[in-house]
């Protein structure tokens, strides 16, 4: 029971970590797109 709880917390943590990385990547791409549009 206790181990299952830890596995659930670990899975949630990994999911949030993946989403966090996606948000960072999206933010970087948006900045690059805005820079290229502004440069043209």
C-alpha atoms as a PDB file:
ATOM      1  CA  UNK A   1       0.000   0.000   0.000  1.00  0.00           C
ATOM      2  CA  UNK A   2       2.738   2.448   1.005  1.00  0.00           C
ATOM      3  CA  UNK A   3       4.867   1.469  -1.996  1.00  0.00           C
ATOM      4  CA  UNK A   4       1.898   1.995  -4.332  1.00  0.00           C
ATOM      5  CA  UNK A   5       1.482   5.521  -2.954  1.00  0.00           C
ATOM      6  CA  UNK A   6       5.155   6.286  -3.583  1.00  0.00           C
ATOM      7  CA  UNK A   7       4.870   4.947  -7.148  1.00  0.00           C
ATOM      8  CA  UNK A   8       1.839   7.171  -7.760  1.00  0.00           C
ATOM      9  CA  UNK A   9       3.672  10.239  -6.429  1.00  0.00           C
ATOM     10  CA  UNK A  10       6.704   9.395  -8.580  1.00  0.00           C
ATOM     11  CA  UNK A  11       4.522   8.993 -11.687  1.00  0.00           C
ATOM     12  CA  UNK A  12       2.810  12.337 -11.037  1.00  0.00           C
ATOM     13  CA  UNK A  13       6.190  13.994 -10.475  1.00  0.00           C
ATOM     14  CA  UNK A  14       7.535  12.606 -13.749  1.00  0.00           C
ATOM     15  CA  UNK A  15       4.389  13.744 -15.586  1.00  0.00           C
ATOM     16  CA  UNK A  16       4.727  17.278 -14.192  1.00  0.00           C
ATOM     17  CA  UNK A  17       8.432  17.251 -15.103  1.00  0.00           C
ATOM     18  CA  UNK A  18       7.632  16.284 -18.700  1.00  0.00           C
ATOM     19  CA  UNK A  19       4.924  18.971 -18.966  1.00  0.00           C
ATOM     20  CA  UNK A  20       7.317  21.513 -17.453  1.00  0.00           C
ATOM     21  CA  UNK A  21       9.943  20.689 -20.082  1.00  0.00           C
ATOM     22  CA  UNK A  22       7.326  21.005 -22.846  1.00  0.00           C
ATOM     23  CA  UNK A  23       6.290  24.442 -21.553  1.00  0.00           C
ATOM     24  CA  UNK A  24       9.931  25.575 -21.569  1.00  0.00           C
ATOM     25  CA  UNK A  25      10.481  24.260 -25.106  1.00  0.00           C
ATOM     26  CA  UNK A  26       7.260  25.916 -26.350  1.00  0.00           C
ATOM     27  CA  UNK A  27       8.278  29.218 -24.738  1.00  0.00           C
ATOM     28  CA  UNK A  28      11.694  29.070 -26.436  1.00  0.00           C
ATOM     29  CA  UNK A  29      10.130  28.303 -29.830  1.00  0.00           C
ATOM     30  CA  UNK A  30       7.649  31.182 -29.420  1.00  0.00           C
ATOM     31  CA  UNK A  31      10.492  33.597 -28.620  1.00  0.00           C
ATOM     32  CA  UNK A  32      12.428  32.414 -31.699  1.00  0.00           C
ATOM     33  CA  UNK A  33       9.321  32.754 -33.896  1.00  0.00           C
ATOM     34  CA  UNK A  34       8.636  36.267 -32.587  1.00  0.00           C
ATOM     35  CA  UNK A  35      12.275  37.241 -33.228  1.00  0.00           C
ATOM     36  CA  UNK A  36      12.224  35.892 -36.800  1.00  0.00           C
ATOM     37  CA  UNK A  37       8.903  37.650 -37.530  1.00  0.00           C
ATOM     38  CA  UNK A  38      10.208  40.912 -36.054  1.00  0.00           C
ATOM     39  CA  UNK A  39      13.427  40.641 -38.069  1.00  0.00           C
ATOM     40  CA  UNK A  40      11.655  40.244 -41.413  1.00  0.00           C
END
